[in-house]
C-alpha cells in the first residue's frame, strides 16, 4: 500500500497496483516520492486528461457494440451461475481522492508526498 499525504489533507492510501497506475499517469514512479507545488497543475491536468481519454474510449466501445447489435440475452448474461458482478471501478472513481488531495495541496501551496 502507498499513502499519499499533504499537510492540509487527510492521507489517502491505495493498493500498490492502483498507486502505480496513478503514479505512471503523473509521470512519477518509485516510493517514496514527491509532487512539488510547481508540479501540481501538470499532475492535475494529466489525471484529468487520462480520465477523459478512458471515458472517451469506453463511450466509443459502447457505441461500437450498440451498432453491431451486441446485446446479451438474459440467458447469456446468467452463464456465470447467477453471481452478480458490479461494474469495474473507473479511473474517474479511482483517481477522485487523489485529485481532491492534489487540488487541496495546490490551493494551500503544499507538496504532496507518498510512501509506504
N, C-alpha and C. Protein backbone atom coordinates (compact mmCIF):
# COMPACT_ATOMS: atom_id res chain seq x y z
N UNK A 1 0.83 -1.17 0.00
CA UNK A 1 0.00 0.00 0.00
C UNK A 1 0.88 1.24 0.00
N UNK A 2 0.43 2.24 -0.72
CA UNK A 2 1.12 3.53 -0.73
C UNK A 2 0.19 4.58 -0.16
N UNK A 3 0.76 5.45 0.66
CA UNK A 3 0.00 6.52 1.29
C UNK A 3 0.43 7.86 0.70
N UNK A 4 -0.56 8.65 0.25
CA UNK A 4 -0.34 9.99 -0.27
C UNK A 4 -0.75 10.98 0.81
N UNK A 5 0.12 11.97 1.06
CA UNK A 5 -0.19 12.94 2.10
C UNK A 5 0.19 14.36 1.69
N UNK A 6 -0.54 15.29 2.24
CA UNK A 6 -0.23 16.72 2.19
C UNK A 6 -0.63 17.25 3.57
N UNK A 7 0.02 18.30 4.01
CA UNK A 7 -0.22 18.78 5.37
C UNK A 7 -1.68 19.14 5.64
N UNK A 8 -2.38 19.70 4.67
CA UNK A 8 -3.74 20.20 4.91
C UNK A 8 -4.83 19.15 4.69
N UNK A 9 -4.47 17.94 4.32
CA UNK A 9 -5.47 16.92 3.99
C UNK A 9 -5.20 15.63 4.77
N UNK A 10 -6.25 14.87 4.92
CA UNK A 10 -6.09 13.54 5.49
C UNK A 10 -5.35 12.68 4.48
N UNK A 11 -4.51 11.77 4.94
CA UNK A 11 -3.79 10.90 3.99
C UNK A 11 -4.76 9.94 3.32
N UNK A 12 -4.39 9.54 2.11
CA UNK A 12 -5.18 8.53 1.40
C UNK A 12 -4.24 7.39 1.03
N UNK A 13 -4.79 6.19 1.01
CA UNK A 13 -3.99 5.00 0.70
C UNK A 13 -4.56 4.30 -0.52
N UNK A 14 -3.65 3.78 -1.32
CA UNK A 14 -4.02 2.99 -2.49
C UNK A 14 -3.25 1.68 -2.44
N UNK A 15 -3.87 0.63 -2.95
CA UNK A 15 -3.14 -0.61 -3.16
C UNK A 15 -2.02 -0.33 -4.15
N UNK A 16 -0.96 -1.10 -4.07
CA UNK A 16 0.22 -0.86 -4.91
C UNK A 16 -0.13 -0.77 -6.39
N UNK A 17 -0.95 -1.68 -6.89
CA UNK A 17 -1.27 -1.68 -8.32
C UNK A 17 -2.01 -0.41 -8.74
N UNK A 18 -2.93 0.05 -7.92
CA UNK A 18 -3.66 1.28 -8.23
C UNK A 18 -2.75 2.49 -8.12
N UNK A 19 -1.91 2.52 -7.08
CA UNK A 19 -0.98 3.64 -6.90
C UNK A 19 0.01 3.72 -8.06
N UNK A 20 0.52 2.58 -8.50
CA UNK A 20 1.47 2.58 -9.61
C UNK A 20 0.82 3.10 -10.89
N UNK A 21 -0.43 2.73 -11.12
CA UNK A 21 -1.15 3.23 -12.30
C UNK A 21 -1.29 4.75 -12.24
N UNK A 22 -1.68 5.26 -11.09
CA UNK A 22 -1.85 6.71 -10.94
C UNK A 22 -0.51 7.43 -11.04
N UNK A 23 0.53 6.87 -10.42
CA UNK A 23 1.84 7.49 -10.50
C UNK A 23 2.37 7.52 -11.93
N UNK A 24 2.09 6.47 -12.69
CA UNK A 24 2.52 6.43 -14.09
C UNK A 24 1.85 7.56 -14.87
N UNK A 25 0.58 7.79 -14.61
CA UNK A 25 -0.14 8.88 -15.27
C UNK A 25 0.49 10.22 -14.90
N UNK A 26 0.93 10.34 -13.66
CA UNK A 26 1.55 11.58 -13.18
C UNK A 26 2.99 11.73 -13.67
N UNK A 27 3.52 10.69 -14.29
CA UNK A 27 4.91 10.73 -14.74
C UNK A 27 5.88 10.52 -13.60
N UNK A 28 5.43 9.84 -12.56
CA UNK A 28 6.25 9.58 -11.38
C UNK A 28 6.38 8.07 -11.20
N UNK A 29 7.37 7.68 -10.43
CA UNK A 29 7.49 6.27 -10.08
C UNK A 29 8.30 6.16 -8.80
N UNK A 30 8.26 4.98 -8.24
CA UNK A 30 9.04 4.72 -7.05
C UNK A 30 8.38 5.21 -5.78
N UNK A 31 8.97 4.80 -4.69
CA UNK A 31 8.45 5.18 -3.39
C UNK A 31 9.63 5.30 -2.45
N UNK A 32 9.75 6.32 -1.70
CA UNK A 32 8.85 7.47 -1.60
C UNK A 32 9.06 8.44 -2.76
N UNK A 33 8.16 9.41 -2.84
CA UNK A 33 8.23 10.40 -3.90
C UNK A 33 7.52 11.67 -3.51
N UNK A 34 7.60 12.64 -4.43
CA UNK A 34 7.01 13.95 -4.15
C UNK A 34 6.48 14.57 -5.44
N UNK A 35 5.37 15.27 -5.31
CA UNK A 35 4.86 16.17 -6.34
C UNK A 35 4.98 17.56 -5.72
N UNK A 36 5.85 18.36 -6.28
CA UNK A 36 6.07 19.70 -5.71
C UNK A 36 4.91 20.62 -6.09
N UNK A 37 4.84 21.72 -5.40
CA UNK A 37 3.80 22.72 -5.68
C UNK A 37 3.86 23.13 -7.15
N UNK A 38 5.06 23.31 -7.69
CA UNK A 38 5.22 23.71 -9.09
C UNK A 38 4.72 22.63 -10.05
N UNK A 39 4.77 21.36 -9.64
CA UNK A 39 4.34 20.25 -10.50
C UNK A 39 2.86 19.94 -10.37
N UNK A 40 2.19 20.47 -9.37
CA UNK A 40 0.79 20.13 -9.12
C UNK A 40 -0.15 20.45 -10.28
N UNK A 41 -0.08 21.63 -10.91
CA UNK A 41 -1.00 21.88 -12.04
C UNK A 41 -0.87 20.85 -13.16
N UNK A 42 0.36 20.48 -13.50
CA UNK A 42 0.57 19.48 -14.55
C UNK A 42 0.07 18.10 -14.11
N UNK A 43 0.25 17.77 -12.84
CA UNK A 43 -0.21 16.49 -12.32
C UNK A 43 -1.74 16.40 -12.37
N UNK A 44 -2.39 17.46 -11.97
CA UNK A 44 -3.86 17.50 -12.02
C UNK A 44 -4.34 17.38 -13.46
N UNK A 45 -3.73 18.13 -14.35
CA UNK A 45 -4.11 18.08 -15.77
C UNK A 45 -3.89 16.69 -16.35
N UNK A 46 -2.79 16.04 -15.99
CA UNK A 46 -2.51 14.70 -16.51
C UNK A 46 -3.58 13.71 -16.07
N UNK A 47 -3.98 13.77 -14.81
CA UNK A 47 -5.04 12.86 -14.33
C UNK A 47 -6.37 13.15 -15.01
N UNK A 48 -6.71 14.43 -15.13
CA UNK A 48 -7.98 14.78 -15.78
C UNK A 48 -7.99 14.33 -17.24
N UNK A 49 -6.88 14.48 -17.94
CA UNK A 49 -6.81 14.06 -19.34
C UNK A 49 -6.90 12.54 -19.46
N UNK A 50 -6.27 11.81 -18.55
CA UNK A 50 -6.35 10.35 -18.56
C UNK A 50 -7.78 9.88 -18.32
N UNK A 51 -8.48 10.54 -17.42
CA UNK A 51 -9.88 10.21 -17.16
C UNK A 51 -10.71 10.47 -18.41
N UNK A 52 -10.51 11.61 -19.05
CA UNK A 52 -11.26 11.94 -20.27
C UNK A 52 -10.97 10.93 -21.39
N UNK A 53 -9.71 10.51 -21.53
CA UNK A 53 -9.37 9.51 -22.56
C UNK A 53 -10.06 8.19 -22.28
N UNK A 54 -10.04 7.75 -21.02
CA UNK A 54 -10.68 6.48 -20.68
C UNK A 54 -12.18 6.55 -20.95
N UNK A 55 -12.81 7.65 -20.55
CA UNK A 55 -14.26 7.77 -20.76
C UNK A 55 -14.60 7.82 -22.25
N UNK A 56 -13.77 8.48 -23.05
CA UNK A 56 -14.00 8.53 -24.49
C UNK A 56 -13.85 7.14 -25.11
N UNK A 57 -12.85 6.39 -24.66
CA UNK A 57 -12.64 5.03 -25.17
C UNK A 57 -13.81 4.12 -24.79
N UNK A 58 -14.30 4.24 -23.56
CA UNK A 58 -15.44 3.43 -23.14
C UNK A 58 -16.70 3.79 -23.90
N UNK A 59 -16.91 5.08 -24.15
CA UNK A 59 -18.08 5.52 -24.91
C UNK A 59 -18.00 5.01 -26.35
N UNK A 60 -16.80 5.06 -26.94
CA UNK A 60 -16.63 4.56 -28.30
C UNK A 60 -16.87 3.06 -28.37
N UNK A 61 -16.38 2.32 -27.39
CA UNK A 61 -16.60 0.88 -27.36
C UNK A 61 -18.07 0.55 -27.19
N UNK A 62 -18.76 1.31 -26.36
CA UNK A 62 -20.20 1.08 -26.17
C UNK A 62 -20.96 1.39 -27.45
N UNK A 63 -20.57 2.44 -28.14
CA UNK A 63 -21.23 2.80 -29.39
C UNK A 63 -20.98 1.73 -30.45
N UNK A 64 -19.76 1.20 -30.51
CA UNK A 64 -19.45 0.14 -31.46
C UNK A 64 -20.28 -1.11 -31.17
N UNK A 65 -20.37 -1.46 -29.89
CA UNK A 65 -21.14 -2.64 -29.51
C UNK A 65 -22.61 -2.47 -29.85
N UNK A 66 -23.13 -1.26 -29.61
CA UNK A 66 -24.54 -1.00 -29.92
C UNK A 66 -24.79 -1.04 -31.42
N UNK A 67 -23.86 -0.53 -32.20
CA UNK A 67 -24.05 -0.51 -33.65
C UNK A 67 -23.95 -1.90 -34.25
N UNK A 68 -23.25 -2.79 -33.58
CA UNK A 68 -23.14 -4.17 -34.06
C UNK A 68 -24.27 -5.04 -33.53
N UNK A 69 -25.12 -4.47 -32.71
CA UNK A 69 -26.24 -5.22 -32.15
C UNK A 69 -25.79 -6.23 -31.12
N UNK A 70 -24.74 -5.94 -30.42
CA UNK A 70 -24.18 -6.86 -29.43
C UNK A 70 -24.89 -6.69 -28.11
N UNK A 71 -26.10 -7.23 -28.04
CA UNK A 71 -26.84 -7.21 -26.78
C UNK A 71 -26.97 -8.62 -26.28
N UNK A 72 -26.61 -8.83 -25.05
CA UNK A 72 -26.69 -10.16 -24.47
C UNK A 72 -28.11 -10.43 -23.98
N UNK A 73 -28.55 -11.64 -24.21
CA UNK A 73 -29.85 -12.01 -23.67
C UNK A 73 -29.70 -12.32 -22.19
N UNK A 74 -30.79 -12.39 -21.50
CA UNK A 74 -30.75 -12.69 -20.06
C UNK A 74 -30.08 -14.03 -19.82
N UNK A 75 -30.35 -15.02 -20.67
CA UNK A 75 -29.74 -16.34 -20.51
C UNK A 75 -28.23 -16.26 -20.69
N UNK A 76 -27.77 -15.49 -21.65
CA UNK A 76 -26.34 -15.34 -21.87
C UNK A 76 -25.69 -14.62 -20.70
N UNK A 77 -26.37 -13.66 -20.14
CA UNK A 77 -25.82 -12.89 -19.02
C UNK A 77 -25.72 -13.72 -17.76
N UNK A 78 -26.55 -14.77 -17.64
CA UNK A 78 -26.55 -15.58 -16.43
C UNK A 78 -25.67 -16.81 -16.53
N UNK A 79 -24.77 -16.87 -17.48
CA UNK A 79 -23.93 -18.05 -17.63
C UNK A 79 -22.92 -18.21 -16.50
N UNK A 80 -22.78 -17.22 -15.65
CA UNK A 80 -21.84 -17.34 -14.54
C UNK A 80 -22.49 -17.93 -13.29
N UNK A 81 -23.65 -18.53 -13.45
CA UNK A 81 -24.30 -19.17 -12.32
C UNK A 81 -25.11 -18.23 -11.46
N UNK A 82 -25.42 -17.06 -11.97
CA UNK A 82 -26.24 -16.13 -11.24
C UNK A 82 -25.46 -15.18 -10.34
N UNK A 83 -24.16 -15.34 -10.27
CA UNK A 83 -23.36 -14.43 -9.44
C UNK A 83 -23.37 -13.05 -10.08
N UNK A 84 -23.65 -12.07 -9.26
CA UNK A 84 -23.69 -10.70 -9.77
C UNK A 84 -22.31 -10.07 -9.68
N UNK A 85 -21.96 -9.37 -10.73
CA UNK A 85 -20.70 -8.65 -10.75
C UNK A 85 -21.00 -7.18 -10.90
N UNK A 86 -20.35 -6.41 -10.09
CA UNK A 86 -20.50 -4.96 -10.22
C UNK A 86 -19.63 -4.46 -11.35
N UNK A 87 -19.89 -3.25 -11.78
CA UNK A 87 -19.06 -2.68 -12.83
C UNK A 87 -17.64 -2.43 -12.32
N UNK A 88 -16.70 -2.45 -13.24
CA UNK A 88 -15.31 -2.17 -12.87
C UNK A 88 -15.21 -0.74 -12.35
N UNK A 89 -14.24 -0.51 -11.51
CA UNK A 89 -14.04 0.83 -10.97
C UNK A 89 -13.32 1.65 -12.04
N UNK A 90 -13.92 2.75 -12.41
CA UNK A 90 -13.35 3.58 -13.47
C UNK A 90 -12.18 4.40 -12.94
N UNK A 91 -11.40 4.91 -13.86
CA UNK A 91 -10.29 5.78 -13.47
C UNK A 91 -10.82 7.04 -12.79
N UNK A 92 -11.97 7.54 -13.24
CA UNK A 92 -12.55 8.71 -12.58
C UNK A 92 -12.79 8.42 -11.09
N UNK A 93 -13.37 7.27 -10.80
CA UNK A 93 -13.64 6.92 -9.40
C UNK A 93 -12.35 6.67 -8.63
N UNK A 94 -11.42 5.97 -9.27
CA UNK A 94 -10.18 5.61 -8.60
C UNK A 94 -9.33 6.85 -8.31
N UNK A 95 -9.33 7.80 -9.21
CA UNK A 95 -8.46 8.97 -9.07
C UNK A 95 -9.09 10.11 -8.27
N UNK A 96 -10.38 10.05 -8.00
CA UNK A 96 -11.07 11.16 -7.33
C UNK A 96 -10.43 11.56 -6.01
N UNK A 97 -10.11 10.63 -5.11
CA UNK A 97 -9.49 11.06 -3.85
C UNK A 97 -8.13 11.73 -4.07
N UNK A 98 -7.34 11.20 -4.99
CA UNK A 98 -6.03 11.78 -5.26
C UNK A 98 -6.17 13.16 -5.90
N UNK A 99 -7.11 13.30 -6.82
CA UNK A 99 -7.33 14.62 -7.43
C UNK A 99 -7.74 15.65 -6.38
N UNK A 100 -8.60 15.25 -5.47
CA UNK A 100 -9.01 16.17 -4.40
C UNK A 100 -7.80 16.56 -3.54
N UNK A 101 -6.97 15.59 -3.21
CA UNK A 101 -5.77 15.86 -2.42
C UNK A 101 -4.84 16.81 -3.18
N UNK A 102 -4.64 16.57 -4.47
CA UNK A 102 -3.76 17.43 -5.28
C UNK A 102 -4.31 18.85 -5.36
N UNK A 103 -5.62 18.98 -5.57
CA UNK A 103 -6.23 20.31 -5.66
C UNK A 103 -6.14 21.07 -4.33
N UNK A 104 -6.37 20.37 -3.24
CA UNK A 104 -6.27 21.00 -1.92
C UNK A 104 -4.83 21.42 -1.65
N UNK A 105 -3.88 20.57 -2.00
CA UNK A 105 -2.47 20.90 -1.81
C UNK A 105 -2.08 22.11 -2.65
N UNK A 106 -2.58 22.19 -3.88
CA UNK A 106 -2.29 23.34 -4.74
C UNK A 106 -2.86 24.62 -4.13
N UNK A 107 -4.10 24.55 -3.65
CA UNK A 107 -4.75 25.72 -3.05
C UNK A 107 -3.98 26.20 -1.82
N UNK A 108 -3.37 25.27 -1.10
CA UNK A 108 -2.63 25.61 0.12
C UNK A 108 -1.12 25.70 -0.11
N UNK A 109 -0.73 25.59 -1.37
CA UNK A 109 0.68 25.67 -1.76
C UNK A 109 1.56 24.71 -0.96
N UNK A 110 1.17 23.41 -1.03
CA UNK A 110 1.87 22.35 -0.32
C UNK A 110 2.31 21.27 -1.30
N UNK A 111 3.42 20.64 -1.00
CA UNK A 111 3.85 19.47 -1.75
C UNK A 111 3.00 18.27 -1.34
N UNK A 112 2.90 17.30 -2.24
CA UNK A 112 2.26 16.02 -1.94
C UNK A 112 3.36 14.97 -1.96
N UNK A 113 3.40 14.17 -0.91
CA UNK A 113 4.40 13.10 -0.82
C UNK A 113 3.69 11.76 -0.73
N UNK A 114 4.41 10.72 -1.11
CA UNK A 114 3.86 9.38 -0.95
C UNK A 114 4.97 8.43 -0.53
N UNK A 115 4.53 7.39 0.09
CA UNK A 115 5.44 6.34 0.53
C UNK A 115 4.66 5.22 1.18
N UNK A 116 5.37 4.29 1.73
CA UNK A 116 4.74 3.11 2.34
C UNK A 116 4.10 3.47 3.65
